[in-house]
């Protein structure tokens, strides 16, 4: 069901967002050299994952919106059929 996918994406987005903030804090604390480079690479991957999840959420929102439109259309059609 789309709502379950939506909830999973939201949970994943929150987790990844928290991980991004943690990585940013580590970088700001003055990590240097290879460690900083590795953290920045992980940070870039996490941001890409977050952007992908946001895209998935938008798609799910659109499908939910379309489903709602279909329900509204069917309700309107039922009302019209009464007359």
N, C-alpha and C. Protein backbone atom coordinates (compact mmCIF):
# COMPACT_ATOMS: atom_id res chain seq x y z
N UNK A 1 0.84 -1.18 0.00
CA UNK A 1 0.00 0.00 0.00
C UNK A 1 0.89 1.24 0.00
N UNK A 2 0.48 2.26 -0.71
CA UNK A 2 1.29 3.47 -0.83
C UNK A 2 1.54 4.17 0.50
N UNK A 3 0.57 4.14 1.40
CA UNK A 3 0.74 4.82 2.67
C UNK A 3 1.85 4.17 3.49
N UNK A 4 1.99 2.84 3.39
CA UNK A 4 3.07 2.15 4.09
C UNK A 4 4.43 2.55 3.51
N UNK A 5 4.52 2.62 2.19
CA UNK A 5 5.75 3.07 1.55
C UNK A 5 6.07 4.49 1.97
N UNK A 6 5.04 5.32 2.07
CA UNK A 6 5.21 6.71 2.47
C UNK A 6 5.80 6.79 3.87
N UNK A 7 5.26 6.01 4.80
CA UNK A 7 5.76 6.01 6.18
C UNK A 7 7.20 5.52 6.23
N UNK A 8 7.51 4.48 5.48
CA UNK A 8 8.88 3.94 5.45
C UNK A 8 9.84 5.00 4.92
N UNK A 9 9.45 5.68 3.85
CA UNK A 9 10.31 6.73 3.28
C UNK A 9 10.52 7.86 4.27
N UNK A 10 9.47 8.25 4.98
CA UNK A 10 9.59 9.31 5.99
C UNK A 10 10.57 8.88 7.07
N UNK A 11 10.43 7.66 7.59
CA UNK A 11 11.34 7.16 8.62
C UNK A 11 12.78 7.14 8.13
N UNK A 12 12.99 6.68 6.90
CA UNK A 12 14.33 6.63 6.34
C UNK A 12 14.89 8.04 6.15
N UNK A 13 14.06 8.96 5.70
CA UNK A 13 14.51 10.34 5.50
C UNK A 13 14.93 10.97 6.82
N UNK A 14 14.17 10.72 7.87
CA UNK A 14 14.52 11.25 9.19
C UNK A 14 15.84 10.67 9.67
N UNK A 15 16.02 9.37 9.53
CA UNK A 15 17.27 8.72 9.94
C UNK A 15 18.46 9.27 9.17
N UNK A 16 18.33 9.36 7.86
CA UNK A 16 19.43 9.87 7.04
C UNK A 16 19.72 11.33 7.38
N UNK A 17 18.69 12.11 7.62
CA UNK A 17 18.87 13.51 7.99
C UNK A 17 19.67 13.62 9.30
N UNK A 18 19.35 12.77 10.27
CA UNK A 18 20.09 12.76 11.53
C UNK A 18 21.55 12.36 11.30
N UNK A 19 21.78 11.38 10.43
CA UNK A 19 23.14 10.96 10.12
C UNK A 19 23.92 12.09 9.45
N UNK A 20 23.25 12.82 8.56
CA UNK A 20 23.90 13.94 7.88
C UNK A 20 24.32 14.99 8.90
N UNK A 21 23.43 15.32 9.82
CA UNK A 21 23.77 16.32 10.84
C UNK A 21 24.94 15.85 11.70
N UNK A 22 24.97 14.57 12.03
CA UNK A 22 26.07 14.02 12.82
C UNK A 22 27.40 14.14 12.05
N UNK A 23 27.37 13.80 10.76
CA UNK A 23 28.58 13.91 9.94
C UNK A 23 29.03 15.36 9.81
N UNK A 24 28.08 16.26 9.63
CA UNK A 24 28.43 17.68 9.53
C UNK A 24 29.07 18.18 10.82
N UNK A 25 28.55 17.73 11.96
CA UNK A 25 29.13 18.11 13.25
C UNK A 25 30.56 17.61 13.37
N UNK A 26 30.81 16.38 12.94
CA UNK A 26 32.17 15.83 13.00
C UNK A 26 33.12 16.64 12.13
N UNK A 27 32.67 17.00 10.94
CA UNK A 27 33.52 17.77 10.03
C UNK A 27 33.82 19.14 10.63
N UNK A 28 32.81 19.76 11.24
CA UNK A 28 33.00 21.08 11.84
C UNK A 28 33.94 21.04 13.03
N UNK A 29 34.07 19.88 13.67
CA UNK A 29 34.96 19.74 14.82
C UNK A 29 36.43 19.72 14.42
N UNK A 30 36.68 19.83 13.14
CA UNK A 30 38.05 19.97 12.69
C UNK A 30 38.71 18.69 12.23
N UNK A 31 37.94 17.72 11.79
CA UNK A 31 38.55 16.51 11.24
C UNK A 31 39.35 16.91 10.01
N UNK A 32 40.53 16.34 9.88
CA UNK A 32 41.39 16.69 8.76
C UNK A 32 41.93 15.44 8.08
N UNK A 33 42.54 15.67 6.93
CA UNK A 33 43.19 14.58 6.22
C UNK A 33 42.22 13.57 5.65
N UNK A 34 42.67 12.31 5.68
CA UNK A 34 41.87 11.22 5.11
C UNK A 34 40.52 11.06 5.80
N UNK A 35 40.52 11.26 7.11
CA UNK A 35 39.26 11.12 7.85
C UNK A 35 38.23 12.12 7.36
N UNK A 36 38.64 13.35 7.14
CA UNK A 36 37.72 14.39 6.66
C UNK A 36 37.22 14.06 5.26
N UNK A 37 38.13 13.58 4.41
CA UNK A 37 37.75 13.22 3.04
C UNK A 37 36.73 12.08 3.07
N UNK A 38 37.00 11.08 3.90
CA UNK A 38 36.08 9.94 4.01
C UNK A 38 34.71 10.40 4.53
N UNK A 39 34.72 11.27 5.54
CA UNK A 39 33.45 11.78 6.07
C UNK A 39 32.68 12.56 5.01
N UNK A 40 33.39 13.35 4.24
CA UNK A 40 32.72 14.14 3.20
C UNK A 40 32.14 13.24 2.11
N UNK A 41 32.82 12.14 1.81
CA UNK A 41 32.28 11.19 0.83
C UNK A 41 31.01 10.52 1.36
N UNK A 42 31.05 10.12 2.63
CA UNK A 42 29.86 9.52 3.24
C UNK A 42 28.73 10.54 3.28
N UNK A 43 29.06 11.77 3.61
CA UNK A 43 28.07 12.84 3.66
C UNK A 43 27.42 13.05 2.29
N UNK A 44 28.22 13.04 1.25
CA UNK A 44 27.68 13.20 -0.11
C UNK A 44 26.74 12.04 -0.47
N UNK A 45 27.12 10.82 -0.11
CA UNK A 45 26.25 9.67 -0.38
C UNK A 45 24.94 9.77 0.40
N UNK A 46 25.04 10.19 1.66
CA UNK A 46 23.84 10.33 2.49
C UNK A 46 22.90 11.39 1.91
N UNK A 47 23.48 12.48 1.45
CA UNK A 47 22.65 13.54 0.85
C UNK A 47 21.97 13.03 -0.41
N UNK A 48 22.70 12.26 -1.22
CA UNK A 48 22.09 11.69 -2.43
C UNK A 48 20.94 10.75 -2.08
N UNK A 49 21.14 9.93 -1.03
CA UNK A 49 20.07 9.04 -0.59
C UNK A 49 18.86 9.83 -0.13
N UNK A 50 19.12 10.92 0.58
CA UNK A 50 18.02 11.75 1.06
C UNK A 50 17.26 12.37 -0.11
N UNK A 51 17.98 12.85 -1.11
CA UNK A 51 17.33 13.43 -2.29
C UNK A 51 16.50 12.36 -3.02
N UNK A 52 17.03 11.13 -3.10
CA UNK A 52 16.28 10.04 -3.73
C UNK A 52 15.00 9.74 -2.96
N UNK A 53 15.10 9.73 -1.63
CA UNK A 53 13.92 9.49 -0.81
C UNK A 53 12.88 10.60 -0.98
N UNK A 54 13.36 11.83 -1.07
CA UNK A 54 12.44 12.95 -1.27
C UNK A 54 11.73 12.79 -2.61
N UNK A 55 12.45 12.35 -3.61
CA UNK A 55 11.84 12.10 -4.92
C UNK A 55 10.78 11.00 -4.81
N UNK A 56 11.11 9.92 -4.08
CA UNK A 56 10.15 8.83 -3.87
C UNK A 56 8.91 9.34 -3.14
N UNK A 57 9.13 10.20 -2.14
CA UNK A 57 8.00 10.75 -1.40
C UNK A 57 7.10 11.59 -2.30
N UNK A 58 7.71 12.37 -3.16
CA UNK A 58 6.92 13.18 -4.10
C UNK A 58 6.10 12.29 -5.02
N UNK A 59 6.70 11.21 -5.50
CA UNK A 59 5.97 10.28 -6.37
C UNK A 59 4.80 9.64 -5.63
N UNK A 60 5.05 9.24 -4.39
CA UNK A 60 3.98 8.65 -3.58
C UNK A 60 2.87 9.66 -3.32
N UNK A 61 3.26 10.90 -3.05
CA UNK A 61 2.25 11.94 -2.83
C UNK A 61 1.40 12.12 -4.08
N UNK A 62 2.04 12.11 -5.24
CA UNK A 62 1.30 12.25 -6.49
C UNK A 62 0.33 11.09 -6.70
N UNK A 63 0.78 9.87 -6.39
CA UNK A 63 -0.10 8.72 -6.57
C UNK A 63 -1.26 8.76 -5.59
N UNK A 64 -1.00 9.22 -4.37
CA UNK A 64 -2.08 9.37 -3.38
C UNK A 64 -3.05 10.44 -3.85
N UNK A 65 -2.51 11.54 -4.37
CA UNK A 65 -3.35 12.62 -4.87
C UNK A 65 -4.22 12.13 -6.03
N UNK A 66 -3.64 11.36 -6.93
CA UNK A 66 -4.40 10.80 -8.06
C UNK A 66 -5.50 9.88 -7.55
N UNK A 67 -5.18 9.06 -6.56
CA UNK A 67 -6.18 8.16 -5.99
C UNK A 67 -7.31 8.96 -5.35
N UNK A 68 -6.95 10.02 -4.67
CA UNK A 68 -7.98 10.87 -4.06
C UNK A 68 -8.85 11.51 -5.14
N UNK A 69 -8.23 11.94 -6.22
CA UNK A 69 -8.99 12.52 -7.32
C UNK A 69 -9.97 11.51 -7.90
N UNK A 70 -9.53 10.25 -8.03
CA UNK A 70 -10.41 9.20 -8.56
C UNK A 70 -11.60 8.97 -7.63
N UNK A 71 -11.33 8.97 -6.32
CA UNK A 71 -12.40 8.78 -5.35
C UNK A 71 -13.39 9.95 -5.45
N UNK A 72 -12.86 11.17 -5.50
CA UNK A 72 -13.72 12.34 -5.63
C UNK A 72 -14.53 12.28 -6.92
N UNK A 73 -13.89 11.86 -8.00
CA UNK A 73 -14.58 11.73 -9.28
C UNK A 73 -15.72 10.71 -9.18
N UNK A 74 -15.43 9.57 -8.56
CA UNK A 74 -16.45 8.54 -8.42
C UNK A 74 -17.61 9.02 -7.56
N UNK A 75 -17.29 9.77 -6.49
CA UNK A 75 -18.35 10.31 -5.64
C UNK A 75 -19.20 11.32 -6.41
N UNK A 76 -18.54 12.17 -7.19
CA UNK A 76 -19.27 13.14 -7.99
C UNK A 76 -20.14 12.44 -9.02
N UNK A 77 -19.60 11.40 -9.63
CA UNK A 77 -20.35 10.64 -10.63
C UNK A 77 -21.58 9.99 -10.00
N UNK A 78 -21.42 9.45 -8.79
CA UNK A 78 -22.54 8.83 -8.08
C UNK A 78 -23.62 9.86 -7.78
N UNK A 79 -23.21 11.07 -7.39
CA UNK A 79 -24.18 12.13 -7.14
C UNK A 79 -24.93 12.50 -8.42
N UNK A 80 -24.19 12.60 -9.51
CA UNK A 80 -24.83 12.94 -10.79
C UNK A 80 -25.81 11.86 -11.22
N UNK A 81 -25.47 10.61 -10.96
CA UNK A 81 -26.33 9.50 -11.35
C UNK A 81 -27.64 9.48 -10.56
N UNK A 82 -27.64 10.11 -9.38
CA UNK A 82 -28.87 10.17 -8.59
C UNK A 82 -29.91 11.06 -9.26
N UNK A 83 -29.47 12.00 -10.06
CA UNK A 83 -30.39 12.95 -10.69
C UNK A 83 -30.61 12.58 -12.09
